[in-house]
N, C-alpha and C. Protein backbone atom coordinates (compact mmCIF):
# COMPACT_ATOMS: atom_id res chain seq x y z
N MET A 1 168.55 103.96 113.70
CA MET A 1 167.02 103.64 114.40
C MET A 1 166.34 104.66 114.43
N LYS A 2 166.60 105.83 114.53
CA LYS A 2 165.71 106.94 114.61
C LYS A 2 165.04 107.10 113.25
N LYS A 3 165.92 106.98 112.51
CA LYS A 3 165.33 107.22 110.95
C LYS A 3 164.44 106.11 110.65
N ALA A 4 164.38 104.91 111.17
CA ALA A 4 163.52 103.97 110.83
C ALA A 4 162.40 104.21 111.60
N LEU A 5 162.25 104.80 112.76
CA LEU A 5 161.17 105.03 113.79
C LEU A 5 160.39 106.15 113.04
N LEU A 6 161.01 107.16 112.55
CA LEU A 6 160.54 108.21 111.86
C LEU A 6 159.85 107.98 110.68
N PHE A 7 160.55 107.15 110.03
CA PHE A 7 159.92 106.48 108.86
C PHE A 7 158.50 105.70 108.90
N ALA A 8 158.65 104.94 110.10
CA ALA A 8 157.45 104.14 110.59
C ALA A 8 156.24 105.21 110.99
N ALA A 9 156.45 106.13 111.62
CA ALA A 9 155.82 107.04 112.03
C ALA A 9 154.92 107.73 110.92
N SER A 10 155.97 108.21 109.98
CA SER A 10 155.53 109.01 108.91
C SER A 10 154.55 108.01 107.94
N LEU A 11 154.86 106.92 107.87
CA LEU A 11 153.91 105.76 106.94
C LEU A 11 152.84 105.68 107.66
N SER A 12 152.64 105.69 108.97
CA SER A 12 151.37 105.37 109.76
C SER A 12 150.44 106.60 109.64
N LEU A 13 151.06 107.75 109.51
CA LEU A 13 150.20 109.05 109.38
C LEU A 13 149.62 109.09 107.89
N LEU A 14 150.57 108.64 107.04
CA LEU A 14 149.95 108.67 105.58
C LEU A 14 148.98 107.85 105.49
N THR A 15 148.79 106.48 106.03
CA THR A 15 147.96 105.62 105.81
C THR A 15 146.64 105.78 106.46
N THR A 16 146.70 106.45 107.42
CA THR A 16 145.48 107.00 108.28
C THR A 16 144.77 108.22 107.42
N ALA A 17 145.52 109.00 106.80
CA ALA A 17 145.28 110.19 106.16
C ALA A 17 144.26 109.67 104.75
N CYS A 18 144.88 108.59 104.34
CA CYS A 18 144.18 107.99 102.86
C CYS A 18 143.09 107.19 103.40
N ALA A 19 142.83 106.93 104.59
CA ALA A 19 141.54 106.18 104.97
C ALA A 19 140.37 107.09 105.15
N TYR A 20 140.71 108.24 105.41
CA TYR A 20 139.43 109.36 105.36
C TYR A 20 138.89 109.41 104.13
N GLN A 21 137.30 109.21 104.27
CA GLN A 21 136.57 109.40 103.19
C GLN A 21 135.55 110.41 103.40
N PRO A 22 135.68 111.59 102.39
CA PRO A 22 134.66 112.57 102.83
C PRO A 22 133.33 112.20 102.33
N HIS A 23 132.27 112.68 102.83
CA HIS A 23 130.96 112.25 102.55
C HIS A 23 130.04 113.64 102.44
N GLN A 24 129.11 113.31 101.80
CA GLN A 24 128.05 114.48 101.46
C GLN A 24 126.60 113.99 101.93
N GLU A 25 125.85 114.52 102.46
CA GLU A 25 124.51 114.15 102.86
C GLU A 25 123.65 114.78 102.05
N THR A 26 122.74 114.21 101.37
CA THR A 26 121.70 114.99 100.76
C THR A 26 120.36 114.53 101.19
N GLN A 27 119.50 115.36 101.47
CA GLN A 27 117.92 115.29 101.89
C GLN A 27 117.08 115.59 100.73
N VAL A 28 116.09 114.61 100.51
CA VAL A 28 115.13 114.77 99.44
C VAL A 28 113.82 115.21 100.32
N VAL A 29 113.13 116.33 99.83
CA VAL A 29 112.01 116.70 100.41
C VAL A 29 110.87 116.36 99.67
N ASP A 30 109.84 115.66 100.03
CA ASP A 30 108.61 115.45 99.21
C ASP A 30 107.65 116.57 99.31
N ASP A 31 107.33 117.55 98.44
CA ASP A 31 106.50 118.56 98.73
C ASP A 31 105.22 118.44 98.07
N ARG A 32 104.93 116.99 97.51
CA ARG A 32 103.64 116.85 96.89
C ARG A 32 102.39 116.97 98.01
N PRO A 33 101.35 117.25 97.46
CA PRO A 33 100.30 117.55 98.30
C PRO A 33 99.89 116.10 98.81
N GLN A 34 99.21 116.21 99.78
CA GLN A 34 98.77 114.80 100.44
C GLN A 34 97.26 114.92 100.85
N ILE A 35 96.59 113.86 100.46
CA ILE A 35 95.15 113.89 100.85
C ILE A 35 94.71 112.46 101.54
N SER A 36 93.97 113.00 102.58
CA SER A 36 93.48 111.93 103.43
C SER A 36 91.92 112.04 103.37
N PHE A 37 91.33 110.78 103.85
CA PHE A 37 89.89 110.85 103.87
C PHE A 37 89.38 110.54 105.02
N VAL A 38 88.04 111.43 105.48
CA VAL A 38 87.27 111.00 106.87
C VAL A 38 86.04 110.34 106.38
N TRP A 39 85.82 109.08 106.63
CA TRP A 39 84.91 108.05 106.10
C TRP A 39 83.78 108.28 107.28
N GLN A 40 82.59 108.68 106.63
CA GLN A 40 81.40 108.93 107.39
C GLN A 40 80.03 108.41 106.78
N TYR A 41 80.21 107.12 106.43
CA TYR A 41 79.29 106.21 105.95
C TYR A 41 79.04 105.09 106.84
N ASP A 42 77.61 104.99 107.15
CA ASP A 42 77.26 103.77 108.26
C ASP A 42 76.93 102.61 107.34
N THR A 43 76.50 102.70 106.13
CA THR A 43 75.96 101.54 105.46
C THR A 43 77.28 100.94 104.53
N ILE A 44 78.26 101.59 104.23
CA ILE A 44 79.44 101.02 103.39
C ILE A 44 80.74 101.08 104.22
N ASP A 45 81.64 99.89 104.16
CA ASP A 45 82.78 99.97 104.99
C ASP A 45 83.77 100.43 104.19
N ALA A 46 84.68 101.34 104.94
CA ALA A 46 85.83 102.04 104.13
C ALA A 46 86.70 101.11 103.27
N GLU A 47 86.74 99.72 103.52
CA GLU A 47 87.63 98.73 102.77
C GLU A 47 87.05 98.50 101.62
N GLN A 48 85.70 98.95 101.38
CA GLN A 48 84.94 98.69 100.18
C GLN A 48 84.68 99.84 99.24
N ALA A 49 85.26 100.89 99.77
CA ALA A 49 85.16 102.25 98.74
C ALA A 49 86.46 102.39 98.27
N GLU A 50 86.71 102.63 96.87
CA GLU A 50 87.95 102.71 96.29
C GLU A 50 88.11 104.24 95.94
N VAL A 51 89.40 104.69 96.03
CA VAL A 51 89.85 105.96 95.71
C VAL A 51 90.61 106.14 94.17
N TYR A 52 90.00 107.02 93.52
CA TYR A 52 90.48 107.21 92.23
C TYR A 52 90.94 108.42 92.08
N VAL A 53 92.17 108.58 91.51
CA VAL A 53 92.75 110.04 91.13
C VAL A 53 93.00 110.37 89.52
N ASP A 54 92.10 111.14 88.92
CA ASP A 54 92.45 111.36 87.48
C ASP A 54 91.80 109.89 86.98
N GLY A 55 90.99 109.16 87.33
CA GLY A 55 90.63 107.90 86.79
C GLY A 55 91.57 106.74 86.95
N GLN A 56 92.51 107.02 87.74
CA GLN A 56 93.51 105.96 88.22
C GLN A 56 93.05 105.29 89.48
N ARG A 57 93.05 104.02 89.63
CA ARG A 57 92.57 103.45 90.99
C ARG A 57 93.95 103.74 91.72
N PHE A 58 93.68 104.16 93.08
CA PHE A 58 94.86 104.20 93.97
C PHE A 58 94.80 103.15 95.21
N GLY A 59 93.68 102.61 95.68
CA GLY A 59 93.66 101.74 96.53
C GLY A 59 92.02 102.21 97.32
N THR A 60 91.93 101.62 98.48
CA THR A 60 90.83 101.74 99.40
C THR A 60 90.81 103.06 100.17
N VAL A 61 89.77 103.51 100.55
CA VAL A 61 89.51 104.60 101.56
C VAL A 61 90.14 104.37 102.84
N ALA A 62 90.10 103.10 103.23
CA ALA A 62 90.65 102.67 104.58
C ALA A 62 92.24 102.91 104.53
N GLU A 63 92.84 102.88 103.27
CA GLU A 63 94.31 102.93 103.15
C GLU A 63 94.99 104.25 103.36
N PHE A 64 93.84 105.21 102.93
CA PHE A 64 94.22 106.54 103.07
C PHE A 64 93.44 107.37 104.00
N ALA A 65 92.96 106.72 105.28
CA ALA A 65 92.18 107.30 106.24
C ALA A 65 93.04 108.46 106.90
N TYR A 66 92.45 109.48 107.42
CA TYR A 66 92.94 110.44 108.34
C TYR A 66 93.16 110.08 109.68
N PRO A 67 94.00 110.25 110.56
CA PRO A 67 95.05 111.22 110.12
C PRO A 67 96.35 110.45 109.68
N ALA A 68 96.38 109.16 109.88
CA ALA A 68 97.64 108.27 109.94
C ALA A 68 98.11 108.24 108.50
N ASN A 69 97.22 108.11 107.52
CA ASN A 69 97.79 107.91 106.11
C ASN A 69 97.16 108.85 105.15
N SER A 70 97.87 109.04 103.89
CA SER A 70 97.36 109.88 102.86
C SER A 70 98.03 109.59 101.64
N VAL A 71 97.34 109.84 100.38
CA VAL A 71 97.73 109.51 99.01
C VAL A 71 98.36 110.93 98.73
N PRO A 72 99.76 110.76 98.03
CA PRO A 72 100.42 111.87 97.61
C PRO A 72 99.87 112.01 96.03
N VAL A 73 99.75 113.39 95.57
CA VAL A 73 99.56 113.65 94.23
C VAL A 73 100.45 114.61 93.74
N LEU A 74 100.52 114.81 92.44
CA LEU A 74 101.23 115.93 92.09
C LEU A 74 100.69 117.06 92.16
N ILE A 75 101.37 118.29 92.11
CA ILE A 75 100.89 119.63 92.37
C ILE A 75 100.10 119.99 90.99
N GLY A 76 98.77 120.62 91.07
CA GLY A 76 97.98 120.87 90.01
C GLY A 76 96.58 120.30 90.29
N GLU A 77 95.68 120.48 89.26
CA GLU A 77 94.26 120.18 89.23
C GLU A 77 93.99 118.74 88.89
N HIS A 78 93.32 118.11 89.79
CA HIS A 78 93.01 116.63 89.80
C HIS A 78 91.37 116.40 89.96
N VAL A 79 90.99 115.37 89.68
CA VAL A 79 89.77 114.97 90.04
C VAL A 79 89.81 113.68 90.90
N ILE A 80 89.28 114.00 92.25
CA ILE A 80 89.33 112.87 93.11
C ILE A 80 87.85 112.28 93.16
N GLU A 81 87.75 110.83 93.04
CA GLU A 81 86.60 110.35 93.23
C GLU A 81 86.69 109.08 94.24
N VAL A 82 85.68 108.85 94.89
CA VAL A 82 85.49 107.84 95.80
C VAL A 82 84.25 106.96 95.14
N ARG A 83 84.39 105.60 94.92
CA ARG A 83 83.65 104.68 94.39
C ARG A 83 83.39 103.38 95.15
N HIS A 84 82.06 103.16 95.10
CA HIS A 84 81.49 101.70 95.64
C HIS A 84 80.98 101.10 94.60
N GLY A 85 81.73 99.97 93.77
CA GLY A 85 81.20 99.54 92.66
C GLY A 85 81.28 100.46 91.60
N ASN A 86 80.09 100.39 90.91
CA ASN A 86 79.68 101.53 89.84
C ASN A 86 79.31 102.81 90.31
N THR A 87 79.15 102.85 91.55
CA THR A 87 78.57 104.18 92.15
C THR A 87 79.44 105.19 92.81
N VAL A 88 79.48 106.19 92.19
CA VAL A 88 80.27 107.42 92.61
C VAL A 88 79.81 107.96 94.09
N LEU A 89 80.55 107.90 95.03
CA LEU A 89 80.02 108.29 96.36
C LEU A 89 80.66 109.82 96.67
N TYR A 90 81.55 110.15 95.93
CA TYR A 90 82.40 111.31 96.38
C TYR A 90 83.12 111.87 94.84
N SER A 91 82.98 113.18 94.42
CA SER A 91 83.87 113.55 93.31
C SER A 91 83.99 115.05 93.37
N LYS A 92 85.33 115.34 93.22
CA LYS A 92 85.62 116.68 93.55
C LYS A 92 86.94 116.98 92.57
N ARG A 93 86.79 118.23 91.77
CA ARG A 93 87.94 118.67 90.81
C ARG A 93 88.43 119.78 91.71
N ASP A 94 89.62 119.85 91.90
CA ASP A 94 90.22 121.07 92.52
C ASP A 94 91.68 121.19 92.30
N TYR A 95 92.35 122.24 92.76
CA TYR A 95 93.60 122.25 92.62
C TYR A 95 94.32 122.08 93.96
N PHE A 96 95.43 121.04 93.83
CA PHE A 96 96.20 120.87 94.84
C PHE A 96 97.53 121.52 95.03
N GLY A 97 97.61 122.13 96.04
CA GLY A 97 99.10 123.03 96.12
C GLY A 97 100.10 122.48 96.82
N GLU A 98 101.42 122.87 96.70
CA GLU A 98 102.54 122.26 97.04
C GLU A 98 102.48 122.32 98.60
N SER A 99 102.98 121.17 99.28
CA SER A 99 103.34 120.79 100.71
C SER A 99 102.00 121.17 101.41
N ILE A 100 100.86 120.90 101.02
CA ILE A 100 99.45 121.10 101.67
C ILE A 100 99.01 119.68 101.95
N SER A 101 98.48 119.34 103.02
CA SER A 101 97.64 118.17 103.44
C SER A 101 96.17 118.44 103.22
N TYR A 102 95.37 117.79 102.64
CA TYR A 102 94.10 117.93 102.33
C TYR A 102 93.31 116.89 103.10
N LYS A 103 92.12 117.21 103.71
CA LYS A 103 91.37 116.39 104.59
C LYS A 103 90.00 116.23 103.86
N LEU A 104 89.64 115.25 103.21
CA LEU A 104 88.31 115.24 102.52
C LEU A 104 87.36 114.52 103.24
N GLU A 105 86.35 115.10 103.37
CA GLU A 105 85.28 114.24 104.41
C GLU A 105 84.26 113.54 103.39
N VAL A 106 83.91 112.46 103.41
CA VAL A 106 83.17 111.61 102.41
C VAL A 106 81.79 111.04 103.45
N SER A 107 80.63 111.52 103.01
CA SER A 107 79.78 111.32 103.95
C SER A 107 78.33 110.98 103.10
N GLU A 108 77.48 110.39 103.78
CA GLU A 108 76.16 110.02 103.05
C GLU A 108 75.39 111.39 102.72
């Protein structure tokens, strides 16, 4: 009887040891530069102005309004433009560094 009880206790310890699953936690850090826009036009709505990075449309200025939202770009030199139709309202070529948030003011 003691052997059976000892065997059952050993078996339960073995099965609980097998249930342990080691895990590893990995964090991903986004160190891309972030660009936000401060819109200072009275005659044009921010939803009507579009953001372009290196000629590629990213969305409207309202989508990337400071301080709540920003557009991430790769580290390096970029041309940032804000357009309303065919009119370029803002254009800047600059180097954007790692882990930095940029606030670009677009005004008349």
